[in-house]
Amino acid sequence: MGLLLAPATASATVYADFTVDPTLTPLTTGDQFVADQINGRYQEDLKVLTFDPGTGLGTFTTDSYWFAQGFSKNDGASPVTPGVAGGYGTNYSLYAVFSSDGNFKIDADGKQHFNGTSGTVSVYYDDNADTDWALPADPAAPGAAGQVSLTNSSDDKLLAYSTSLVRANGNANPSDPNDANGDFALVYNPFNLTGVDPFGLVGGAAVGATSSCSPCRSTSR
């Protein structure tokens, strides 16, 4: 099973449905509901490790935090309201921490192209939706992981993880606000489920397989 993290875009993509049973989630009641997408936002701290202005080539390392904002249905077009979603965002929430290392190139016209070569991701269930987070003052050295600091996370449950980043690419064009700015795709495979499921996912081909964020936000230095 693989995990894809990518910005959501307007398209005719057909998403596989999955069913969530809120009654399996602690402190939550409600009927089962069907969704096909989990939406969210992320923040990233990117550090340039090396850069050769003569060639435009360099290396980087990043630490990131992704937090789910809710569920969607109808191929991502319609939000599932918090009430239907069993109090999502109040009684429980989802988040992920991930890191990657890689290389980049800046073209003569200023366009930036990033390629990740290694990375990790961990996805958590947050009981009570009370976990807070902070990006590191200085991103991790290549190969290090877990640099995002978490507070009030002692009751959180690890749902899935991967240490195998098989594809990661992104592009940005700071000189043209109408061009792609910060679009990315991260693919992890294998994507390992822990067997812990307080979240109540009870069926569907997309369970644990895909995630999207829209809009995506990145901070870098």
C-alpha atoms as a PDB file:
ATOM      1  CA  MET A   1       0.000   0.000   0.000  1.00  0.00           C
ATOM      2  CA  GLY A   2       1.335   3.443  -0.873  1.00  0.00           C
ATOM      3  CA  LEU A   3       0.607   6.975   0.315  1.00  0.00           C
ATOM      4  CA  LEU A   4       0.421   9.983  -1.982  1.00  0.00           C
ATOM      5  CA  LEU A   5       0.523  13.510  -0.585  1.00  0.00           C
ATOM      6  CA  ALA A   6      -0.201  16.176  -3.182  1.00  0.00           C
ATOM      7  CA  PRO A   7      -1.966  19.513  -3.538  1.00  0.00           C
ATOM      8  CA  ALA A   8      -5.605  19.181  -4.537  1.00  0.00           C
ATOM      9  CA  THR A   9      -6.359  20.507  -8.019  1.00  0.00           C
ATOM     10  CA  ALA A  10      -9.523  20.946 -10.041  1.00  0.00           C
ATOM     11  CA  SER A  11      -9.887  17.894 -12.251  1.00  0.00           C
ATOM     12  CA  ALA A  12     -12.213  15.079 -13.216  1.00  0.00           C
ATOM     13  CA  THR A  13     -10.422  12.624 -10.942  1.00  0.00           C
ATOM     14  CA  VAL A  14     -12.695   9.904  -9.517  1.00  0.00           C
ATOM     15  CA  TYR A  15     -11.854   9.042  -5.894  1.00  0.00           C
ATOM     16  CA  ALA A  16     -12.629   5.725  -4.244  1.00  0.00           C
ATOM     17  CA  ASP A  17     -15.195   5.940  -1.427  1.00  0.00           C
ATOM     18  CA  PHE A  18     -14.491   4.885   2.148  1.00  0.00           C
ATOM     19  CA  THR A  19     -16.809   4.674   5.152  1.00  0.00           C
ATOM     20  CA  VAL A  20     -16.124   6.183   8.586  1.00  0.00           C
ATOM     21  CA  ASP A  21     -17.896   4.990  11.734  1.00  0.00           C
ATOM     22  CA  PRO A  22     -17.649   7.773  14.368  1.00  0.00           C
ATOM     23  CA  THR A  23     -18.997   5.484  17.117  1.00  0.00           C
ATOM     24  CA  LEU A  24     -15.646   3.662  17.063  1.00  0.00           C
ATOM     25  CA  THR A  25     -13.901   6.937  17.901  1.00  0.00           C
ATOM     26  CA  PRO A  26     -13.502   7.722  21.630  1.00  0.00           C
ATOM     27  CA  LEU A  27     -15.777  10.491  22.976  1.00  0.00           C
ATOM     28  CA  THR A  28     -17.714  10.571  19.709  1.00  0.00           C
ATOM     29  CA  THR A  29     -21.184   9.548  18.582  1.00  0.00           C
ATOM     30  CA  GLY A  30     -22.853   9.685  15.196  1.00  0.00           C
ATOM     31  CA  ASP A  31     -23.901   7.698  12.180  1.00  0.00           C
ATOM     32  CA  GLN A  32     -21.568   6.177   9.643  1.00  0.00           C
ATOM     33  CA  PHE A  33     -20.798   8.440   6.711  1.00  0.00           C
ATOM     34  CA  VAL A  34     -19.143   8.009   3.328  1.00  0.00           C
ATOM     35  CA  ALA A  35     -16.300  10.206   2.102  1.00  0.00           C
ATOM     36  CA  ASP A  36     -13.682  10.001  -0.614  1.00  0.00           C
ATOM     37  CA  GLN A  37     -11.086  12.577   0.431  1.00  0.00           C
ATOM     38  CA  ILE A  38      -9.375  13.949   3.540  1.00  0.00           C
ATOM     39  CA  ASN A  39      -8.469  17.619   3.107  1.00  0.00           C
ATOM     40  CA  GLY A  40      -5.877  19.581   5.008  1.00  0.00           C
ATOM     41  CA  ARG A  41      -3.026  22.059   5.119  1.00  0.00           C
ATOM     42  CA  TYR A  42       0.651  21.745   5.769  1.00  0.00           C
ATOM     43  CA  GLN A  43       3.570  23.892   6.849  1.00  0.00           C
ATOM     44  CA  GLU A  44       7.155  23.162   5.951  1.00  0.00           C
ATOM     45  CA  ASP A  45      10.541  24.391   7.039  1.00  0.00           C
ATOM     46  CA  LEU A  46      13.047  23.999   4.199  1.00  0.00           C
ATOM     47  CA  LYS A  47      16.760  24.557   4.705  1.00  0.00           C
ATOM     48  CA  VAL A  48      19.258  24.871   1.854  1.00  0.00           C
ATOM     49  CA  LEU A  49      22.338  22.842   2.718  1.00  0.00           C
ATOM     50  CA  THR A  50      24.493  23.556  -0.323  1.00  0.00           C
ATOM     51  CA  PHE A  51      24.120  25.749  -3.413  1.00  0.00           C
ATOM     52  CA  ASP A  52      26.368  26.448  -6.412  1.00  0.00           C
ATOM     53  CA  PRO A  53      25.250  29.694  -8.092  1.00  0.00           C
ATOM     54  CA  GLY A  54      27.304  28.792 -11.144  1.00  0.00           C
ATOM     55  CA  THR A  55      25.280  25.663 -11.923  1.00  0.00           C
ATOM     56  CA  GLY A  56      22.093  26.451 -10.013  1.00  0.00           C
ATOM     57  CA  LEU A  57      22.370  23.085  -8.254  1.00  0.00           C
ATOM     58  CA  GLY A  58      21.928  22.529  -4.532  1.00  0.00           C
ATOM     59  CA  THR A  59      20.756  20.212  -1.755  1.00  0.00           C
ATOM     60  CA  PHE A  60      18.085  20.695   0.908  1.00  0.00           C
ATOM     61  CA  THR A  61      16.409  19.170   3.946  1.00  0.00           C
ATOM     62  CA  THR A  62      12.843  19.740   5.180  1.00  0.00           C
ATOM     63  CA  ASP A  63      10.607  19.127   8.168  1.00  0.00           C
ATOM     64  CA  SER A  64       6.839  19.390   7.755  1.00  0.00           C
ATOM     65  CA  TYR A  65       3.544  19.091   9.604  1.00  0.00           C
ATOM     66  CA  TRP A  66       0.229  18.267   7.878  1.00  0.00           C
ATOM     67  CA  PHE A  67      -3.133  18.635   9.633  1.00  0.00           C
ATOM     68  CA  ALA A  68      -6.408  17.348   8.235  1.00  0.00           C
ATOM     69  CA  GLN A  69      -9.224  19.887   8.165  1.00  0.00           C
ATOM     70  CA  GLY A  70     -12.073  17.531   7.327  1.00  0.00           C
ATOM     71  CA  PHE A  71     -13.651  15.106   4.884  1.00  0.00           C
ATOM     72  CA  SER A  72     -15.082  15.564   1.407  1.00  0.00           C
ATOM     73  CA  LYS A  73     -17.362  13.504  -0.806  1.00  0.00           C
ATOM     74  CA  ASN A  74     -18.545  13.534  -4.425  1.00  0.00           C
ATOM     75  CA  ASP A  75     -14.955  13.175  -5.677  1.00  0.00           C
ATOM     76  CA  GLY A  76     -13.737  15.876  -3.325  1.00  0.00           C
ATOM     77  CA  ALA A  77     -16.301  18.453  -4.461  1.00  0.00           C
ATOM     78  CA  SER A  78     -18.583  18.564  -1.386  1.00  0.00           C
ATOM     79  CA  PRO A  79     -17.472  18.919   2.269  1.00  0.00           C
ATOM     80  CA  VAL A  80     -18.779  16.573   4.941  1.00  0.00           C
ATOM     81  CA  THR A  81     -20.010  18.860   7.748  1.00  0.00           C
ATOM     82  CA  PRO A  82     -18.352  18.532  11.186  1.00  0.00           C
ATOM     83  CA  GLY A  83     -21.648  17.375  12.696  1.00  0.00           C
ATOM     84  CA  VAL A  84     -22.004  14.530  10.230  1.00  0.00           C
ATOM     85  CA  ALA A  85     -18.313  13.724  10.687  1.00  0.00           C
ATOM     86  CA  GLY A  86     -18.865  12.979  14.369  1.00  0.00           C
ATOM     87  CA  GLY A  87     -17.350  16.174  15.740  1.00  0.00           C
ATOM     88  CA  TYR A  88     -14.194  16.177  13.672  1.00  0.00           C
ATOM     89  CA  GLY A  89     -11.916  19.009  14.763  1.00  0.00           C
ATOM     90  CA  THR A  90     -13.463  19.076  18.233  1.00  0.00           C
ATOM     91  CA  ASN A  91     -13.521  15.483  19.490  1.00  0.00           C
ATOM     92  CA  TYR A  92     -10.773  14.130  17.275  1.00  0.00           C
ATOM     93  CA  SER A  93      -8.487  15.037  14.380  1.00  0.00           C
ATOM     94  CA  LEU A  94      -5.732  13.660  12.153  1.00  0.00           C
ATOM     95  CA  TYR A  95      -2.242  14.927  11.459  1.00  0.00           C
ATOM     96  CA  ALA A  96       1.064  13.781   9.984  1.00  0.00           C
ATOM     97  CA  VAL A  97       4.710  14.713  10.410  1.00  0.00           C
ATOM     98  CA  PHE A  98       7.133  14.124   7.573  1.00  0.00           C
ATOM     99  CA  SER A  99      10.668  14.985   6.543  1.00  0.00           C
ATOM    100  CA  SER A 100      12.713  14.659   3.390  1.00  0.00           C
ATOM    101  CA  ASP A 101      16.142  15.330   1.944  1.00  0.00           C
ATOM    102  CA  GLY A 102      17.058  15.912  -1.665  1.00  0.00           C
ATOM    103  CA  ASN A 103      18.456  18.150  -4.353  1.00  0.00           C
ATOM    104  CA  PHE A 104      17.189  21.085  -6.384  1.00  0.00           C
ATOM    105  CA  LYS A 105      17.957  23.180  -9.438  1.00  0.00           C
ATOM    106  CA  ILE A 106      17.246  26.841 -10.138  1.00  0.00           C
ATOM    107  CA  ASP A 107      16.937  27.650 -13.838  1.00  0.00           C
ATOM    108  CA  ALA A 108      18.308  30.805 -15.430  1.00  0.00           C
ATOM    109  CA  ASP A 109      14.770  32.273 -15.419  1.00  0.00           C
ATOM    110  CA  GLY A 110      14.378  31.646 -11.677  1.00  0.00           C
ATOM    111  CA  LYS A 111      12.153  28.573 -11.819  1.00  0.00           C
ATOM    112  CA  GLN A 112      12.893  26.075  -9.051  1.00  0.00           C
ATOM    113  CA  HIS A 113      12.752  22.270  -9.306  1.00  0.00           C
ATOM    114  CA  PHE A 114      13.003  20.048  -6.213  1.00  0.00           C
ATOM    115  CA  ASN A 115      13.629  16.308  -6.065  1.00  0.00           C
ATOM    116  CA  GLY A 116      13.435  14.384  -2.795  1.00  0.00           C
ATOM    117  CA  THR A 117      15.743  11.392  -2.413  1.00  0.00           C
ATOM    118  CA  SER A 118      14.773  10.087   1.039  1.00  0.00           C
ATOM    119  CA  GLY A 119      12.102  10.753   3.639  1.00  0.00           C
ATOM    120  CA  THR A 120       9.773   9.526   6.380  1.00  0.00           C
ATOM    121  CA  VAL A 121       6.122  10.086   7.293  1.00  0.00           C
ATOM    122  CA  SER A 122       3.985   9.235  10.349  1.00  0.00           C
ATOM    123  CA  VAL A 123       0.193   9.669  10.492  1.00  0.00           C
ATOM    124  CA  TYR A 124      -1.549  10.115  13.864  1.00  0.00           C
ATOM    125  CA  TYR A 125      -5.049  10.141  15.339  1.00  0.00           C
ATOM    126  CA  ASP A 126      -5.434  12.980  17.860  1.00  0.00           C
ATOM    127  CA  ASP A 127      -7.975  12.198  20.577  1.00  0.00           C
ATOM    128  CA  ASN A 128      -9.634  15.418  21.820  1.00  0.00           C
ATOM    129  CA  ALA A 129      -8.028  17.351  18.913  1.00  0.00           C
ATOM    130  CA  ASP A 130      -5.704  19.072  21.383  1.00  0.00           C
ATOM    131  CA  THR A 131      -2.217  18.390  20.019  1.00  0.00           C
ATOM    132  CA  ASP A 132      -0.130  21.443  19.183  1.00  0.00           C
ATOM    133  CA  TRP A 133       3.032  21.536  17.128  1.00  0.00           C
ATOM    134  CA  ALA A 134       6.031  23.669  16.199  1.00  0.00           C
ATOM    135  CA  LEU A 135       8.474  23.486  13.343  1.00  0.00           C
ATOM    136  CA  PRO A 136      12.138  23.175  14.344  1.00  0.00           C
ATOM    137  CA  ALA A 137      14.315  26.230  14.768  1.00  0.00           C
ATOM    138  CA  ASP A 138      16.743  24.469  12.446  1.00  0.00           C
ATOM    139  CA  PRO A 139      15.637  21.631  10.122  1.00  0.00           C
ATOM    140  CA  ALA A 140      17.102  18.200  10.665  1.00  0.00           C
ATOM    141  CA  ALA A 141      20.382  17.092   9.164  1.00  0.00           C
ATOM    142  CA  PRO A 142      19.987  14.669   6.241  1.00  0.00           C
ATOM    143  CA  GLY A 143      18.719  11.294   7.429  1.00  0.00           C
ATOM    144  CA  ALA A 144      17.356  12.558  10.751  1.00  0.00           C
ATOM    145  CA  ALA A 145      13.628  12.379  11.502  1.00  0.00           C
ATOM    146  CA  GLY A 146      11.028  13.521  13.992  1.00  0.00           C
ATOM    147  CA  GLN A 147      12.189  17.115  14.300  1.00  0.00           C
ATOM    148  CA  VAL A 148       8.684  18.594  14.529  1.00  0.00           C
ATOM    149  CA  SER A 149       7.944  19.128  18.235  1.00  0.00           C
ATOM    150  CA  LEU A 150       4.514  18.086  19.568  1.00  0.00           C
ATOM    151  CA  THR A 151       2.734  18.993  22.799  1.00  0.00           C
ATOM    152  CA  ASN A 152      -0.354  17.375  24.398  1.00  0.00           C
ATOM    153  CA  SER A 153       0.323  14.337  22.217  1.00  0.00           C
ATOM    154  CA  SER A 154       0.591  11.610  24.867  1.00  0.00           C
ATOM    155  CA  ASP A 155      -2.871  10.213  24.007  1.00  0.00           C
ATOM    156  CA  ASP A 156      -2.348  10.284  20.231  1.00  0.00           C
ATOM    157  CA  LYS A 157      -2.242   7.017  18.311  1.00  0.00           C
ATOM    158  CA  LEU A 158       0.064   6.186  15.417  1.00  0.00           C
ATOM    159  CA  LEU A 159      -2.096   4.982  12.519  1.00  0.00           C
ATOM    160  CA  ALA A 160       0.462   4.498   9.762  1.00  0.00           C
ATOM    161  CA  TYR A 161       4.033   5.259   8.798  1.00  0.00           C
ATOM    162  CA  SER A 162       6.648   4.868   6.095  1.00  0.00           C
ATOM    163  CA  THR A 163      10.402   5.280   5.861  1.00  0.00           C
ATOM    164  CA  SER A 164      10.457   4.704   2.106  1.00  0.00           C
ATOM    165  CA  LEU A 165      10.023   7.809  -0.052  1.00  0.00           C
ATOM    166  CA  VAL A 166       9.954   6.484  -3.612  1.00  0.00           C
ATOM    167  CA  ARG A 167       9.105   9.712  -5.449  1.00  0.00           C
ATOM    168  CA  ALA A 168       9.130  13.377  -4.479  1.00  0.00           C
ATOM    169  CA  ASN A 169       9.128  16.328  -6.814  1.00  0.00           C
ATOM    170  CA  GLY A 170       8.028  19.925  -6.663  1.00  0.00           C
ATOM    171  CA  ASN A 171       8.219  23.126  -8.648  1.00  0.00           C
ATOM    172  CA  ALA A 172       7.990  26.822  -7.889  1.00  0.00           C
ATOM    173  CA  ASN A 173       8.250  30.037  -9.865  1.00  0.00           C
ATOM    174  CA  PRO A 174       8.548  32.958  -7.431  1.00  0.00           C
ATOM    175  CA  SER A 175       8.796  35.495 -10.256  1.00  0.00           C
ATOM    176  CA  ASP A 176       5.366  34.640 -11.701  1.00  0.00           C
ATOM    177  CA  PRO A 177       2.394  34.463  -9.284  1.00  0.00           C
ATOM    178  CA  ASN A 178       0.255  32.979 -12.066  1.00  0.00           C
ATOM    179  CA  ASP A 179       2.577  30.019 -12.533  1.00  0.00           C
ATOM    180  CA  ALA A 180       2.726  26.893 -10.360  1.00  0.00           C
ATOM    181  CA  ASN A 181       3.994  28.003  -6.971  1.00  0.00           C
ATOM    182  CA  GLY A 182       4.881  25.283  -4.518  1.00  0.00           C
ATOM    183  CA  ASP A 183       3.090  22.371  -6.195  1.00  0.00           C
ATOM    184  CA  PHE A 184       4.458  19.029  -5.064  1.00  0.00           C
ATOM    185  CA  ALA A 185       3.896  15.284  -4.996  1.00  0.00           C
ATOM    186  CA  LEU A 186       5.249  12.840  -2.408  1.00  0.00           C
ATOM    187  CA  VAL A 187       4.841   9.088  -2.824  1.00  0.00           C
ATOM    188  CA  TYR A 188       5.671   6.667   0.011  1.00  0.00           C
ATOM    189  CA  ASN A 189       5.701   2.923  -0.585  1.00  0.00           C
ATOM    190  CA  PRO A 190       5.288   0.717   1.348  1.00  0.00           C
ATOM    191  CA  PHE A 191       2.865   2.623   3.588  1.00  0.00           C
ATOM    192  CA  ASN A 192       2.525   0.585   6.773  1.00  0.00           C
ATOM    193  CA  LEU A 193      -0.702   0.479   8.799  1.00  0.00           C
ATOM    194  CA  THR A 194      -0.194  -0.157  12.525  1.00  0.00           C
ATOM    195  CA  GLY A 195      -3.495  -2.014  13.034  1.00  0.00           C
ATOM    196  CA  VAL A 196      -4.701   0.690  15.449  1.00  0.00           C
ATOM    197  CA  ASP A 197      -8.007   2.090  14.145  1.00  0.00           C
ATOM    198  CA  PRO A 198      -9.803   4.323  16.661  1.00  0.00           C
ATOM    199  CA  PHE A 199     -10.669   6.445  13.626  1.00  0.00           C
ATOM    200  CA  GLY A 200     -13.269   3.941  12.478  1.00  0.00           C
ATOM    201  CA  LEU A 201     -12.384   3.443   8.816  1.00  0.00           C
ATOM    202  CA  VAL A 202     -14.457   0.420   7.851  1.00  0.00           C
ATOM    203  CA  GLY A 203     -14.102  -0.003   4.117  1.00  0.00           C
ATOM    204  CA  GLY A 204     -13.144   1.241   0.681  1.00  0.00           C
ATOM    205  CA  ALA A 205     -10.200   0.915  -1.636  1.00  0.00           C
ATOM    206  CA  ALA A 206      -8.822   4.342  -0.673  1.00  0.00           C
ATOM    207  CA  VAL A 207      -8.503   3.662   3.062  1.00  0.00           C
ATOM    208  CA  GLY A 208      -5.007   4.668   4.123  1.00  0.00           C
ATOM    209  CA  ALA A 209      -3.954   5.122   0.522  1.00  0.00           C
ATOM    210  CA  THR A 210      -4.382   8.762  -0.470  1.00  0.00           C
ATOM    211  CA  SER A 211      -4.421  12.185   1.083  1.00  0.00           C
ATOM    212  CA  SER A 212      -4.646  15.721  -0.273  1.00  0.00           C
ATOM    213  CA  CYS A 213      -4.169  19.238   1.025  1.00  0.00           C
ATOM    214  CA  SER A 214      -5.722  22.374  -0.372  1.00  0.00           C
ATOM    215  CA  PRO A 215      -4.468  25.017  -0.264  1.00  0.00           C
ATOM    216  CA  CYS A 216      -0.916  24.061   0.614  1.00  0.00           C
ATOM    217  CA  ARG A 217       1.341  26.431   2.492  1.00  0.00           C
ATOM    218  CA  SER A 218       5.103  26.332   2.783  1.00  0.00           C
ATOM    219  CA  THR A 219       7.627  28.466   4.629  1.00  0.00           C
ATOM    220  CA  SER A 220      11.287  28.181   3.763  1.00  0.00           C
ATOM    221  CA  ARG A 221      14.634  29.741   4.498  1.00  0.00           C
END
